[in-house]
C-alpha atoms as a PDB file:
ATOM      1  CA  UNK A   1     130.682 114.563 105.130  1.00  0.00           C
ATOM      2  CA  UNK A   2     133.693 112.608 103.774  1.00  0.00           C
ATOM      3  CA  UNK A   3     134.468 113.141 100.136  1.00  0.00           C
ATOM      4  CA  UNK A   4     133.239 109.188  99.354  1.00  0.00           C
ATOM      5  CA  UNK A   5     129.882 110.144 101.160  1.00  0.00           C
ATOM      6  CA  UNK A   6     129.527 113.345  98.790  1.00  0.00           C
ATOM      7  CA  UNK A   7     130.141 111.451  95.807  1.00  0.00           C
ATOM      8  CA  UNK A   8     127.504 108.465  96.609  1.00  0.00           C
ATOM      9  CA  UNK A   9     125.186 111.146  97.610  1.00  0.00           C
ATOM     10  CA  UNK A  10     125.702 112.962  94.327  1.00  0.00           C
ATOM     11  CA  UNK A  11     125.305 109.711  92.405  1.00  0.00           C
ATOM     12  CA  UNK A  12     122.291 108.828  94.298  1.00  0.00           C
ATOM     13  CA  UNK A  13     120.397 112.183  93.519  1.00  0.00           C
ATOM     14  CA  UNK A  14     121.237 111.966  90.014  1.00  0.00           C
ATOM     15  CA  UNK A  15     120.051 108.465  89.551  1.00  0.00           C
ATOM     16  CA  UNK A  16     116.817 109.320  91.137  1.00  0.00           C
ATOM     17  CA  UNK A  17     116.405 112.314  89.196  1.00  0.00           C
ATOM     18  CA  UNK A  18     116.755 110.378  85.937  1.00  0.00           C
ATOM     19  CA  UNK A  19     114.806 107.277  87.464  1.00  0.00           C
ATOM     20  CA  UNK A  20     117.745 105.031  86.672  1.00  0.00           C
ATOM     21  CA  UNK A  21     118.620 101.670  88.459  1.00  0.00           C
ATOM     22  CA  UNK A  22     122.191 100.578  89.328  1.00  0.00           C
ATOM     23  CA  UNK A  23     121.731  98.198  86.218  1.00  0.00           C
ATOM     24  CA  UNK A  24     120.957 101.237  84.015  1.00  0.00           C
ATOM     25  CA  UNK A  25     123.874 103.101  85.187  1.00  0.00           C
ATOM     26  CA  UNK A  26     126.147  99.925  84.849  1.00  0.00           C
ATOM     27  CA  UNK A  27     125.219  99.481  81.278  1.00  0.00           C
ATOM     28  CA  UNK A  28     125.832 103.413  80.510  1.00  0.00           C
ATOM     29  CA  UNK A  29     129.308 103.478  82.264  1.00  0.00           C
ATOM     30  CA  UNK A  30     130.688  99.702  81.705  1.00  0.00           C
ATOM     31  CA  UNK A  31     131.295  99.507  85.582  1.00  0.00           C
ATOM     32  CA  UNK A  32     129.808  96.421  87.189  1.00  0.00           C
ATOM     33  CA  UNK A  33     126.905  96.757  89.278  1.00  0.00           C
ATOM     34  CA  UNK A  34     128.655  95.603  92.204  1.00  0.00           C
ATOM     35  CA  UNK A  35     131.341  98.684  91.593  1.00  0.00           C
ATOM     36  CA  UNK A  36     128.389 101.004  91.671  1.00  0.00           C
ATOM     37  CA  UNK A  37     127.161  99.504  94.791  1.00  0.00           C
ATOM     38  CA  UNK A  38     130.399  99.834  96.315  1.00  0.00           C
ATOM     39  CA  UNK A  39     130.315 103.547  95.637  1.00  0.00           C
ATOM     40  CA  UNK A  40     126.703 103.924  96.698  1.00  0.00           C
ATOM     41  CA  UNK A  41     127.339 102.191 100.140  1.00  0.00           C
ATOM     42  CA  UNK A  42     130.499 103.972 100.733  1.00  0.00           C
ATOM     43  CA  UNK A  43     132.641 100.766 101.020  1.00  0.00           C
ATOM     44  CA  UNK A  44     135.759 102.479  99.811  1.00  0.00           C
ATOM     45  CA  UNK A  45     137.824 105.613 101.032  1.00  0.00           C
ATOM     46  CA  UNK A  46     138.086 106.988  97.310  1.00  0.00           C
ATOM     47  CA  UNK A  47     136.860 106.683  93.879  1.00  0.00           C
ATOM     48  CA  UNK A  48     139.271 106.866  90.854  1.00  0.00           C
ATOM     49  CA  UNK A  49     139.308 109.727  88.164  1.00  0.00           C
ATOM     50  CA  UNK A  50     138.606 107.334  85.595  1.00  0.00           C
ATOM     51  CA  UNK A  51     135.452 106.156  87.456  1.00  0.00           C
ATOM     52  CA  UNK A  52     134.229 109.808  87.824  1.00  0.00           C
ATOM     53  CA  UNK A  53     134.766 110.220  84.116  1.00  0.00           C
ATOM     54  CA  UNK A  54     132.699 107.356  83.375  1.00  0.00           C
ATOM     55  CA  UNK A  55     130.039 108.307  85.656  1.00  0.00           C
ATOM     56  CA  UNK A  56     129.918 111.982  84.534  1.00  0.00           C
ATOM     57  CA  UNK A  57     129.717 110.730  80.987  1.00  0.00           C
ATOM     58  CA  UNK A  58     126.712 108.613  81.767  1.00  0.00           C
ATOM     59  CA  UNK A  59     125.003 111.618  83.082  1.00  0.00           C
ATOM     60  CA  UNK A  60     126.053 113.573  80.154  1.00  0.00           C
ATOM     61  CA  UNK A  61     128.012 116.210  82.089  1.00  0.00           C
ATOM     62  CA  UNK A  62     131.768 116.900  82.719  1.00  0.00           C
ATOM     63  CA  UNK A  63     133.493 115.623  85.834  1.00  0.00           C
ATOM     64  CA  UNK A  64     133.340 119.396  86.690  1.00  0.00           C
ATOM     65  CA  UNK A  65     129.634 119.438  86.650  1.00  0.00           C
ATOM     66  CA  UNK A  66     129.259 116.212  88.377  1.00  0.00           C
ATOM     67  CA  UNK A  67     131.121 117.716  91.233  1.00  0.00           C
ATOM     68  CA  UNK A  68     129.432 121.171  91.234  1.00  0.00           C
ATOM     69  CA  UNK A  69     126.971 120.842  94.049  1.00  0.00           C
ATOM     70  CA  UNK A  70     127.190 121.887  97.690  1.00  0.00           C
ATOM     71  CA  UNK A  71     128.266 118.488  98.867  1.00  0.00           C
ATOM     72  CA  UNK A  72     131.787 119.371  97.470  1.00  0.00           C
ATOM     73  CA  UNK A  73     132.132 122.710  98.895  1.00  0.00           C
ATOM     74  CA  UNK A  74     135.412 122.565 101.145  1.00  0.00           C
ATOM     75  CA  UNK A  75     133.645 123.774 104.337  1.00  0.00           C
ATOM     76  CA  UNK A  76     131.138 120.770 103.843  1.00  0.00           C
ATOM     77  CA  UNK A  77     133.768 118.270 103.508  1.00  0.00           C
ATOM     78  CA  UNK A  78     135.779 116.151 106.059  1.00  0.00           C
ATOM     79  CA  UNK A  79     139.189 115.763 104.457  1.00  0.00           C
ATOM     80  CA  UNK A  80     141.301 112.722 105.910  1.00  0.00           C
ATOM     81  CA  UNK A  81     144.726 113.003 104.699  1.00  0.00           C
END
């Protein structure tokens, strides 16, 4: 799994757990609905740290907590440089 795929999956999981729509997450983060859709559809290769900060804050967690799941274990990621 690529890093963007892992981020997309983690955000999707958290949205599902909370019952949030893209529009609710947009209101909580200040990101546009389109920007969130781009992340969820894995349309970009990378996500900015500031975007991760906004997302983590919306879920009332730190970036460390946001990335603290098996999706982000090194052995589970395909890292392209």
